[in-house]
Amino acid sequence: MTANAPSHTSTELKVQGPRPTQPVRITEQVWPERVNPVVSICSTSYNNEIFIRQCLDGFLMQETTFPVEILIHDDASTDNTANIIREYEAQYPHIIKPIYQTENQFSKNKHLDVIFNFPRARGEYIALCQGDDYWTAPNKLQTQVDFLESHPDYSGCFHNVNVVYEDGSKSTHPMFGTPMKDKVTIQDLAVANCIPTLSILFRARLFPEFPEWYLRMPIGDWPLHVLNAEHGDIGYINQNFGAYRIHGNSVWSSLSALEMFRKNIQVAEAIDAHLRFRYTRAIRKNIAFWHYGIALNMSKEGVDKGISGHLISSIRNYFFHEEISKRLILVIFIKHAFPVLYMRLKQAQKALRSIHS
């Protein structure tokens, strides 16, 4: 199975002639009925009733010289999220185009944007933002479209965002505290994802369909950026245009460290194979660190089963990673693989300390 890229119909029109010289709020724009949007905002939501208004308001406050559509997929929310979206849809039916599921699709391991939003996106560019995040600047989309139109060799662009801790446990801070370089390349993204999902704007239809391996991934944004970056670098705009929430019901930030490490390993290995192992040394270095992290967490939790395998994987992938303690790997391995030997060594160490004291 593959998910096909969207295509235009013959009855749709591109924006003809010069655009307005001054940006206008998208809710106040008037365009011919069949005109194609320049940007498709793709959003997914599930039980986001306390967040969704701020998310939608961030979309609707955008001021642009081009038409925009908002494609939102509600994944059978059990709270009031869908009713709130219906309120906005009733007010702006020419802009907001929702899908309301009656059965949760994410639980069936479906990539919601890829299956439900991207195929109906008509824009030249696609912007992403989940229902629990939000945009904070009315010129976000205009700035990003202007950037891509002046950089035709780039596949996309992104910007800084604030990290907001919903429980107030930490102060809000920029995700990138130090200056980023002005672009990220396929090699950068092969190793790790540095792009906040709510900040990306990318060219639509850069590739005809999503590869089979992508549809099996537990993370959608990182491999998507890799697929786009195969068609051009992704530029960085050094401005802050949004907010990423950390909260207990978030799909990613609510995961345990063990779950994050495991998902990262799965995606990294798939990306490595897709790129024909061109950057395997750098990728394997991170995979080694994640296996090491899993082993450390399992050891702290007193879990024995499987810990030796993660330690061996860490050593096999990149033994000389500067952040991996070789002594600690040896100690954990002996502790869990040879518990009797570990106890005798501990007793011997204790006896030696008592002699020297």
Foldseek 3Di string as FASTA:
>chain_A
DWQWFADDDPQAAEDDDDFDPWWAQQQPDDDPLRYAWQEEEEEEEAQLVVQQVQAVVQVRLATARTHYAYEYEYQQHPDCVVVVLVVVCVSCVSHYDYHYDNHGDVVVLFDCCRHPPRRPHRHQKYAYDYRRKHWDDNHLVVVFVVVCVVVVQAFKEFEWEWEAEPVPPDDIDIPDPDDDPFWDALLNLLQHDPGDRRGMMGGGPPDGIDDPLQSNAPDNPSVVVNVSRVRHIYGYDHDYTIYDYQDCPDPPNVDDLLVVLVRLLSVSVVSCVVVVNPNQLSNLLSNLVSLLVNLVVCVVVVHQPPSLVSLVSSCVSPVVNVVHDPVVSVLSNCCRVPVVVNVVVVVVVVVVVVVVD
